[in-house]
All heavy atoms as atom14 arrays in JSON, in Angstrom:
{
  "sequence": "TYDNPDAEYVGWLMDDDFYLPEKTSRMVEAYRTHPEVSLVT",
  "atom14_mask": [
    [1, 1, 1, 1, 1, 1, 1, 0, 0, 0, 0, 0, 0, 0],
    [1, 1, 1, 1, 1, 1, 1, 1, 1, 1, 1, 1, 0, 0],
    [1, 1, 1, 1, 1, 1, 1, 1, 0, 0, 0, 0, 0, 0],
    [1, 1, 1, 1, 1, 1, 1, 1, 0, 0, 0, 0, 0, 0],
    [1, 1, 1, 1, 1, 1, 1, 0, 0, 0, 0, 0, 0, 0],
    [1, 1, 1, 1, 1, 1, 1, 1, 0, 0, 0, 0, 0, 0],
    [1, 1, 1, 1, 1, 0, 0, 0, 0, 0, 0, 0, 0, 0],
    [1, 1, 1, 1, 1, 1, 1, 1, 1, 0, 0, 0, 0, 0],
    [1, 1, 1, 1, 1, 1, 1, 1, 1, 1, 1, 1, 0, 0],
    [1, 1, 1, 1, 1, 1, 1, 0, 0, 0, 0, 0, 0, 0],
    [1, 1, 1, 1, 0, 0, 0, 0, 0, 0, 0, 0, 0, 0],
    [1, 1, 1, 1, 1, 1, 1, 1, 1, 1, 1, 1, 1, 1],
    [1, 1, 1, 1, 1, 1, 1, 1, 0, 0, 0, 0, 0, 0],
    [1, 1, 1, 1, 1, 1, 1, 1, 0, 0, 0, 0, 0, 0],
    [1, 1, 1, 1, 1, 1, 1, 1, 0, 0, 0, 0, 0, 0],
    [1, 1, 1, 1, 1, 1, 1, 1, 0, 0, 0, 0, 0, 0],
    [1, 1, 1, 1, 1, 1, 1, 1, 0, 0, 0, 0, 0, 0],
    [1, 1, 1, 1, 1, 1, 1, 1, 1, 1, 1, 0, 0, 0],
    [1, 1, 1, 1, 1, 1, 1, 1, 1, 1, 1, 1, 0, 0],
    [1, 1, 1, 1, 1, 1, 1, 1, 0, 0, 0, 0, 0, 0],
    [1, 1, 1, 1, 1, 1, 1, 0, 0, 0, 0, 0, 0, 0],
    [1, 1, 1, 1, 1, 1, 1, 1, 1, 0, 0, 0, 0, 0],
    [1, 1, 1, 1, 1, 1, 1, 1, 1, 0, 0, 0, 0, 0],
    [1, 1, 1, 1, 1, 1, 1, 0, 0, 0, 0, 0, 0, 0],
    [1, 1, 1, 1, 1, 1, 0, 0, 0, 0, 0, 0, 0, 0],
    [1, 1, 1, 1, 1, 1, 1, 1, 1, 1, 1, 0, 0, 0],
    [1, 1, 1, 1, 1, 1, 1, 1, 0, 0, 0, 0, 0, 0],
    [1, 1, 1, 1, 1, 1, 1, 0, 0, 0, 0, 0, 0, 0],
    [1, 1, 1, 1, 1, 1, 1, 1, 1, 0, 0, 0, 0, 0],
    [1, 1, 1, 1, 1, 0, 0, 0, 0, 0, 0, 0, 0, 0],
    [1, 1, 1, 1, 1, 1, 1, 1, 1, 1, 1, 1, 0, 0],
    [1, 1, 1, 1, 1, 1, 1, 1, 1, 1, 1, 0, 0, 0],
    [1, 1, 1, 1, 1, 1, 1, 0, 0, 0, 0, 0, 0, 0],
    [1, 1, 1, 1, 1, 1, 1, 1, 1, 1, 0, 0, 0, 0],
    [1, 1, 1, 1, 1, 1, 1, 0, 0, 0, 0, 0, 0, 0],
    [1, 1, 1, 1, 1, 1, 1, 1, 1, 0, 0, 0, 0, 0],
    [1, 1, 1, 1, 1, 1, 1, 0, 0, 0, 0, 0, 0, 0],
    [1, 1, 1, 1, 1, 1, 0, 0, 0, 0, 0, 0, 0, 0],
    [1, 1, 1, 1, 1, 1, 1, 1, 0, 0, 0, 0, 0, 0],
    [1, 1, 1, 1, 1, 1, 1, 0, 0, 0, 0, 0, 0, 0],
    [1, 1, 1, 1, 1, 1, 1, 0, 0, 0, 0, 0, 0, 0]
  ],
  "atom14_positions": [
    [[-29.99, 18.66, -5.52], [-30.4, 17.45, -6.18], [-29.2, 16.63, -6.69], [-29.39, 15.56, -7.24], [-31.28, 17.83, -7.43], [-30.53, 18.65, -8.3], [-32.51, 18.53, -6.96], [0.0, 0.0, 0.0], [0.0, 0.0, 0.0], [0.0, 0.0, 0.0], [0.0, 0.0, 0.0], [0.0, 0.0, 0.0], [0.0, 0.0, 0.0], [0.0, 0.0, 0.0]],
    [[-27.99, 17.04, -6.48], [-26.83, 16.37, -7.01], [-26.75, 14.95, -6.45], [-26.98, 14.67, -5.23], [-25.53, 17.07, -6.65], [-24.29, 16.41, -7.18], [-23.97, 16.47, -8.52], [-23.49, 15.65, -6.32], [-22.84, 15.83, -9.03], [-22.37, 15.0, -6.82], [-22.04, 15.11, -8.17], [-20.95, 14.43, -8.61], [0.0, 0.0, 0.0], [0.0, 0.0, 0.0]],
    [[-26.45, 13.94, -7.3], [-26.35, 12.59, -6.82], [-25.37, 11.81, -7.7], [-25.65, 11.44, -8.81], [-27.78, 11.88, -6.91], [-27.69, 10.46, -6.37], [-26.7, 10.08, -5.7], [-28.59, 9.69, -6.7], [0.0, 0.0, 0.0], [0.0, 0.0, 0.0], [0.0, 0.0, 0.0], [0.0, 0.0, 0.0], [0.0, 0.0, 0.0], [0.0, 0.0, 0.0]],
    [[-24.17, 11.56, -7.18], [-23.17, 10.7, -7.83], [-23.43, 9.29, -7.28], [-23.23, 9.03, -6.11], [-21.78, 11.15, -7.42], [-20.7, 10.29, -7.98], [-20.96, 9.2, -8.44], [-19.47, 10.79, -7.99], [0.0, 0.0, 0.0], [0.0, 0.0, 0.0], [0.0, 0.0, 0.0], [0.0, 0.0, 0.0], [0.0, 0.0, 0.0], [0.0, 0.0, 0.0]],
    [[-23.83, 8.35, -8.14], [-24.2, 7.05, -7.68], [-23.0, 6.24, -7.08], [-23.21, 5.28, -6.35], [-24.74, 6.31, -8.93], [-24.25, 7.16, -10.05], [-24.02, 8.56, -9.58], [0.0, 0.0, 0.0], [0.0, 0.0, 0.0], [0.0, 0.0, 0.0], [0.0, 0.0, 0.0], [0.0, 0.0, 0.0], [0.0, 0.0, 0.0], [0.0, 0.0, 0.0]],
    [[-21.83, 6.63, -7.38], [-20.63, 5.93, -6.88], [-20.12, 6.52, -5.55], [-19.16, 5.99, -4.97], [-19.51, 5.95, -7.95], [-19.92, 5.27, -9.18], [-20.64, 4.26, -9.09], [-19.55, 5.77, -10.31], [0.0, 0.0, 0.0], [0.0, 0.0, 0.0], [0.0, 0.0, 0.0], [0.0, 0.0, 0.0], [0.0, 0.0, 0.0], [0.0, 0.0, 0.0]],
    [[-20.62, 7.67, -5.13], [-20.09, 8.32, -3.96], [-20.6, 7.69, -2.67], [-21.78, 7.33, -2.49], [-20.5, 9.77, -3.99], [0.0, 0.0, 0.0], [0.0, 0.0, 0.0], [0.0, 0.0, 0.0], [0.0, 0.0, 0.0], [0.0, 0.0, 0.0], [0.0, 0.0, 0.0], [0.0, 0.0, 0.0], [0.0, 0.0, 0.0], [0.0, 0.0, 0.0]],
    [[-19.67, 7.53, -1.72], [-20.08, 7.07, -0.36], [-20.2, 8.27, 0.59], [-20.97, 8.2, 1.53], [-18.96, 6.15, 0.13], [-19.28, 5.47, 1.42], [-18.23, 4.4, 1.81], [-17.37, 4.13, 1.02], [-18.29, 3.98, 2.98], [0.0, 0.0, 0.0], [0.0, 0.0, 0.0], [0.0, 0.0, 0.0], [0.0, 0.0, 0.0], [0.0, 0.0, 0.0]],
    [[-19.47, 9.32, 0.26], [-19.52, 10.56, 1.1], [-19.8, 11.76, 0.2], [-19.47, 11.7, -0.98], [-18.21, 10.74, 1.83], [-17.82, 9.56, 2.67], [-16.88, 8.63, 2.16], [-18.41, 9.32, 3.92], [-16.57, 7.49, 2.9], [-18.07, 8.21, 4.63], [-17.15, 7.29, 4.15], [-16.85, 6.19, 4.88], [0.0, 0.0, 0.0], [0.0, 0.0, 0.0]],
    [[-20.26, 12.85, 0.84], [-20.5, 14.05, 0.11], [-19.88, 15.19, 0.85], [-20.05, 15.32, 2.09], [-22.03, 14.35, -0.04], [-22.3, 15.73, -0.67], [-22.73, 13.25, -0.8], [0.0, 0.0, 0.0], [0.0, 0.0, 0.0], [0.0, 0.0, 0.0], [0.0, 0.0, 0.0], [0.0, 0.0, 0.0], [0.0, 0.0, 0.0], [0.0, 0.0, 0.0]],
    [[-19.07, 15.94, 0.16], [-18.47, 17.14, 0.72], [-18.67, 18.31, -0.23], [-18.46, 18.19, -1.43], [0.0, 0.0, 0.0], [0.0, 0.0, 0.0], [0.0, 0.0, 0.0], [0.0, 0.0, 0.0], [0.0, 0.0, 0.0], [0.0, 0.0, 0.0], [0.0, 0.0, 0.0], [0.0, 0.0, 0.0], [0.0, 0.0, 0.0], [0.0, 0.0, 0.0]],
    [[-19.18, 19.41, 0.27], [-19.42, 20.57, -0.57], [-18.32, 21.57, -0.35], [-17.93, 21.87, 0.72], [-20.76, 21.2, -0.23], [-21.86, 20.35, -0.59], [-22.63, 19.57, 0.23], [-22.27, 20.02, -1.92], [-23.56, 18.82, -0.47], [-23.33, 19.01, -1.83], [-21.88, 20.38, -3.22], [-23.99, 18.51, -2.94], [-22.54, 19.85, -4.29], [-23.56, 18.98, -4.16]],
    [[-17.81, 22.11, -1.45], [-16.85, 23.2, -1.41], [-17.52, 24.43, -2.03], [-17.72, 24.48, -3.24], [-15.57, 22.86, -2.11], [-14.49, 23.94, -2.16], [-14.09, 24.33, -0.76], [-13.33, 23.51, -3.02], [0.0, 0.0, 0.0], [0.0, 0.0, 0.0], [0.0, 0.0, 0.0], [0.0, 0.0, 0.0], [0.0, 0.0, 0.0], [0.0, 0.0, 0.0]],
    [[-18.0, 25.32, -1.16], [-18.66, 26.52, -1.7], [-17.66, 27.35, -2.5], [-16.47, 27.26, -2.33], [-19.24, 27.29, -0.52], [-20.3, 26.57, 0.28], [-21.52, 25.78, -0.79], [-22.59, 25.04, 0.31], [0.0, 0.0, 0.0], [0.0, 0.0, 0.0], [0.0, 0.0, 0.0], [0.0, 0.0, 0.0], [0.0, 0.0, 0.0], [0.0, 0.0, 0.0]],
    [[-18.19, 28.16, -3.35], [-17.43, 28.83, -4.39], [-16.26, 29.67, -3.93], [-15.34, 29.84, -4.67], [-18.33, 29.63, -5.31], [-19.1, 30.76, -4.58], [-19.16, 30.74, -3.36], [-19.59, 31.65, -5.29], [0.0, 0.0, 0.0], [0.0, 0.0, 0.0], [0.0, 0.0, 0.0], [0.0, 0.0, 0.0], [0.0, 0.0, 0.0], [0.0, 0.0, 0.0]],
    [[-16.3, 30.22, -2.75], [-15.23, 31.07, -2.33], [-14.43, 30.55, -1.11], [-13.57, 31.19, -0.55], [-15.75, 32.48, -2.05], [-16.81, 32.55, -0.98], [-17.28, 31.48, -0.47], [-17.26, 33.65, -0.6], [0.0, 0.0, 0.0], [0.0, 0.0, 0.0], [0.0, 0.0, 0.0], [0.0, 0.0, 0.0], [0.0, 0.0, 0.0], [0.0, 0.0, 0.0]],
    [[-14.7, 29.28, -0.68], [-13.94, 28.68, 0.42], [-12.89, 27.78, -0.19], [-12.83, 27.51, -1.38], [-14.9, 27.85, 1.26], [-16.05, 28.7, 1.86], [-15.88, 29.92, 1.97], [-17.09, 28.13, 2.15], [0.0, 0.0, 0.0], [0.0, 0.0, 0.0], [0.0, 0.0, 0.0], [0.0, 0.0, 0.0], [0.0, 0.0, 0.0], [0.0, 0.0, 0.0]],
    [[-12.0, 27.23, 0.64], [-11.04, 26.27, 0.15], [-10.64, 25.28, 1.22], [-10.67, 25.57, 2.42], [-9.78, 26.91, -0.51], [-9.12, 27.99, 0.28], [-7.97, 27.73, 1.02], [-9.59, 29.28, 0.3], [-7.33, 28.72, 1.74], [-8.96, 30.29, 0.99], [-7.75, 30.0, 1.7], [0.0, 0.0, 0.0], [0.0, 0.0, 0.0], [0.0, 0.0, 0.0]],
    [[-10.35, 24.05, 0.73], [-9.9, 22.92, 1.59], [-8.4, 22.92, 1.7], [-7.71, 23.28, 0.75], [-10.26, 21.59, 0.97], [-11.7, 21.18, 0.8], [-12.03, 20.09, 0.11], [-12.74, 21.87, 1.45], [-13.34, 19.58, -0.02], [-14.02, 21.46, 1.3], [-14.34, 20.31, 0.59], [-15.58, 19.89, 0.48], [0.0, 0.0, 0.0], [0.0, 0.0, 0.0]],
    [[-7.9, 22.42, 2.82], [-6.5, 22.06, 2.95], [-6.4, 20.71, 2.17], [-7.36, 19.92, 2.17], [-6.08, 21.96, 4.38], [-6.01, 23.3, 5.1], [-5.65, 23.09, 6.53], [-5.04, 24.26, 4.43], [0.0, 0.0, 0.0], [0.0, 0.0, 0.0], [0.0, 0.0, 0.0], [0.0, 0.0, 0.0], [0.0, 0.0, 0.0], [0.0, 0.0, 0.0]],
    [[-5.25, 20.42, 1.62], [-5.1, 19.18, 0.76], [-5.49, 17.9, 1.43], [-6.06, 17.01, 0.77], [-3.61, 19.17, 0.39], [-3.13, 20.59, 0.54], [-4.02, 21.2, 1.64], [0.0, 0.0, 0.0], [0.0, 0.0, 0.0], [0.0, 0.0, 0.0], [0.0, 0.0, 0.0], [0.0, 0.0, 0.0], [0.0, 0.0, 0.0], [0.0, 0.0, 0.0]],
    [[-5.32, 17.74, 2.75], [-5.58, 16.48, 3.39], [-7.01, 16.38, 3.98], [-7.38, 15.37, 4.58], [-4.57, 16.25, 4.54], [-4.64, 17.21, 5.67], [-3.9, 18.52, 5.45], [-3.39, 18.82, 4.36], [-3.81, 19.29, 6.46], [0.0, 0.0, 0.0], [0.0, 0.0, 0.0], [0.0, 0.0, 0.0], [0.0, 0.0, 0.0], [0.0, 0.0, 0.0]],
    [[-7.86, 17.4, 3.82], [-9.2, 17.41, 4.4], [-9.97, 16.15, 4.09], [-10.42, 15.43, 5.02], [-9.95, 18.62, 3.96], [-11.4, 18.63, 4.49], [-12.24, 19.62, 3.78], [-13.61, 19.83, 4.36], [-14.55, 18.77, 4.08], [0.0, 0.0, 0.0], [0.0, 0.0, 0.0], [0.0, 0.0, 0.0], [0.0, 0.0, 0.0], [0.0, 0.0, 0.0]],
    [[-10.19, 15.85, 2.87], [-11.1, 14.77, 2.46], [-10.51, 13.42, 2.94], [-11.29, 12.58, 3.56], [-11.3, 14.74, 0.97], [-11.87, 16.04, 0.59], [-12.29, 13.69, 0.58], [0.0, 0.0, 0.0], [0.0, 0.0, 0.0], [0.0, 0.0, 0.0], [0.0, 0.0, 0.0], [0.0, 0.0, 0.0], [0.0, 0.0, 0.0], [0.0, 0.0, 0.0]],
    [[-9.29, 13.13, 2.78], [-8.71, 11.82, 3.15], [-8.78, 11.68, 4.67], [-9.08, 10.6, 5.13], [-7.31, 11.64, 2.64], [-6.45, 12.6, 3.16], [0.0, 0.0, 0.0], [0.0, 0.0, 0.0], [0.0, 0.0, 0.0], [0.0, 0.0, 0.0], [0.0, 0.0, 0.0], [0.0, 0.0, 0.0], [0.0, 0.0, 0.0], [0.0, 0.0, 0.0]],
    [[-8.54, 12.72, 5.42], [-8.58, 12.59, 6.9], [-10.02, 12.41, 7.39], [-10.24, 11.61, 8.31], [-8.01, 13.88, 7.54], [-6.61, 14.12, 7.15], [-5.5, 14.33, 8.15], [-5.75, 14.19, 9.49], [-5.61, 15.2, 10.39], [-5.23, 16.42, 9.95], [-5.81, 14.98, 11.67], [0.0, 0.0, 0.0], [0.0, 0.0, 0.0], [0.0, 0.0, 0.0]],
    [[-10.95, 13.06, 6.73], [-12.37, 12.88, 7.16], [-12.85, 11.5, 6.82], [-13.62, 10.87, 7.59], [-13.18, 14.01, 6.57], [-12.95, 15.34, 7.25], [-14.09, 16.62, 6.72], [-13.71, 17.88, 7.95], [0.0, 0.0, 0.0], [0.0, 0.0, 0.0], [0.0, 0.0, 0.0], [0.0, 0.0, 0.0], [0.0, 0.0, 0.0], [0.0, 0.0, 0.0]],
    [[-12.54, 11.0, 5.63], [-12.88, 9.63, 5.25], [-12.36, 8.66, 6.27], [-13.03, 7.7, 6.72], [-12.49, 9.28, 3.84], [-12.61, 7.78, 3.53], [-13.31, 10.09, 2.82], [0.0, 0.0, 0.0], [0.0, 0.0, 0.0], [0.0, 0.0, 0.0], [0.0, 0.0, 0.0], [0.0, 0.0, 0.0], [0.0, 0.0, 0.0], [0.0, 0.0, 0.0]],
    [[-11.07, 8.83, 6.69], [-10.47, 7.93, 7.64], [-11.25, 8.04, 8.99], [-11.4, 6.98, 9.66], [-9.0, 8.3, 7.85], [-8.27, 7.39, 8.8], [-8.22, 5.94, 8.34], [-8.33, 5.64, 7.13], [-8.12, 5.06, 9.24], [0.0, 0.0, 0.0], [0.0, 0.0, 0.0], [0.0, 0.0, 0.0], [0.0, 0.0, 0.0], [0.0, 0.0, 0.0]],
    [[-11.69, 9.18, 9.38], [-12.45, 9.32, 10.63], [-13.74, 8.49, 10.54], [-14.1, 7.77, 11.5], [-12.82, 10.8, 10.9], [0.0, 0.0, 0.0], [0.0, 0.0, 0.0], [0.0, 0.0, 0.0], [0.0, 0.0, 0.0], [0.0, 0.0, 0.0], [0.0, 0.0, 0.0], [0.0, 0.0, 0.0], [0.0, 0.0, 0.0], [0.0, 0.0, 0.0]],
    [[-14.42, 8.49, 9.42], [-15.59, 7.66, 9.24], [-15.27, 6.16, 9.3], [-15.97, 5.39, 9.97], [-16.25, 7.88, 7.91], [-17.23, 9.06, 7.9], [-17.1, 10.09, 7.07], [-18.36, 9.02, 8.67], [-17.98, 11.17, 7.01], [-19.27, 10.04, 8.7], [-19.07, 11.13, 7.86], [-20.01, 12.15, 7.81], [0.0, 0.0, 0.0], [0.0, 0.0, 0.0]],
    [[-14.13, 5.82, 8.7], [-13.79, 4.4, 8.67], [-13.39, 3.85, 10.05], [-13.59, 2.67, 10.34], [-12.69, 4.2, 7.62], [-13.33, 4.44, 6.26], [-12.49, 3.86, 5.13], [-13.27, 3.96, 3.9], [-12.82, 4.4, 2.77], [-11.53, 4.68, 2.67], [-13.57, 4.49, 1.73], [0.0, 0.0, 0.0], [0.0, 0.0, 0.0], [0.0, 0.0, 0.0]],
    [[-12.78, 4.69, 10.85], [-12.34, 4.28, 12.17], [-13.41, 4.48, 13.29], [-13.25, 3.94, 14.38], [-11.03, 4.95, 12.62], [-11.21, 6.37, 12.59], [-9.89, 4.56, 11.68], [0.0, 0.0, 0.0], [0.0, 0.0, 0.0], [0.0, 0.0, 0.0], [0.0, 0.0, 0.0], [0.0, 0.0, 0.0], [0.0, 0.0, 0.0], [0.0, 0.0, 0.0]],
    [[-14.49, 5.21, 12.93], [-15.53, 5.44, 13.92], [-16.88, 5.24, 13.27], [-17.56, 6.25, 12.86], [-15.46, 6.89, 14.48], [-14.16, 7.17, 15.15], [-13.94, 6.76, 16.51], [-13.05, 7.76, 14.76], [-12.73, 7.17, 16.83], [-12.13, 7.69, 15.83], [0.0, 0.0, 0.0], [0.0, 0.0, 0.0], [0.0, 0.0, 0.0], [0.0, 0.0, 0.0]],
    [[-17.38, 4.02, 13.15], [-18.61, 3.73, 12.41], [-19.85, 4.39, 13.05], [-20.89, 4.52, 12.39], [-18.73, 2.2, 12.4], [-17.76, 1.76, 13.47], [-16.7, 2.82, 13.61], [0.0, 0.0, 0.0], [0.0, 0.0, 0.0], [0.0, 0.0, 0.0], [0.0, 0.0, 0.0], [0.0, 0.0, 0.0], [0.0, 0.0, 0.0], [0.0, 0.0, 0.0]],
    [[-19.77, 4.81, 14.3], [-20.85, 5.4, 14.95], [-21.11, 6.89, 14.55], [-22.07, 7.54, 14.91], [-20.72, 5.34, 16.51], [-19.65, 6.31, 17.08], [-18.18, 5.83, 16.95], [-17.92, 4.84, 16.2], [-17.34, 6.49, 17.61], [0.0, 0.0, 0.0], [0.0, 0.0, 0.0], [0.0, 0.0, 0.0], [0.0, 0.0, 0.0], [0.0, 0.0, 0.0]],
    [[-20.16, 7.4, 13.81], [-20.17, 8.83, 13.4], [-21.1, 9.05, 12.19], [-21.05, 8.28, 11.21], [-18.74, 9.29, 13.11], [-18.72, 10.61, 12.39], [-17.96, 9.43, 14.43], [0.0, 0.0, 0.0], [0.0, 0.0, 0.0], [0.0, 0.0, 0.0], [0.0, 0.0, 0.0], [0.0, 0.0, 0.0], [0.0, 0.0, 0.0], [0.0, 0.0, 0.0]],
    [[-21.94, 10.02, 12.28], [-22.83, 10.36, 11.13], [-22.4, 11.68, 10.45], [-22.89, 11.97, 9.34], [-24.31, 10.53, 11.61], [-24.4, 11.53, 12.56], [0.0, 0.0, 0.0], [0.0, 0.0, 0.0], [0.0, 0.0, 0.0], [0.0, 0.0, 0.0], [0.0, 0.0, 0.0], [0.0, 0.0, 0.0], [0.0, 0.0, 0.0], [0.0, 0.0, 0.0]],
    [[-21.5, 12.43, 11.09], [-21.09, 13.7, 10.47], [-19.65, 13.99, 10.99], [-19.31, 13.79, 12.13], [-22.01, 14.82, 10.95], [-21.85, 16.2, 10.36], [-22.1, 16.27, 8.9], [-22.87, 17.16, 11.05], [0.0, 0.0, 0.0], [0.0, 0.0, 0.0], [0.0, 0.0, 0.0], [0.0, 0.0, 0.0], [0.0, 0.0, 0.0], [0.0, 0.0, 0.0]],
    [[-18.82, 14.48, 10.04], [-17.45, 14.85, 10.34], [-17.25, 16.33, 9.99], [-17.69, 16.8, 8.94], [-16.41, 13.96, 9.58], [-15.02, 14.42, 9.86], [-16.61, 12.49, 9.9], [0.0, 0.0, 0.0], [0.0, 0.0, 0.0], [0.0, 0.0, 0.0], [0.0, 0.0, 0.0], [0.0, 0.0, 0.0], [0.0, 0.0, 0.0], [0.0, 0.0, 0.0]],
    [[-16.58, 17.04, 10.92], [-16.29, 18.45, 10.66], [-14.94, 18.76, 11.28], [-14.26, 17.91, 11.84], [-17.39, 19.33, 11.29], [-17.24, 20.68, 10.78], [-17.37, 19.38, 12.84], [0.0, 0.0, 0.0], [0.0, 0.0, 0.0], [0.0, 0.0, 0.0], [0.0, 0.0, 0.0], [0.0, 0.0, 0.0], [0.0, 0.0, 0.0], [0.0, 0.0, 0.0]]
  ]
}
């Protein structure tokens, strides 16, 4: 049910996993350069 009204993207970090520092910025850039994309992984 989580809803941040200011968010354009949603990324979940499960409690025992971890992101590399550039994950979110690189994925946002993929969306911005490929508008046909609905999911980034």
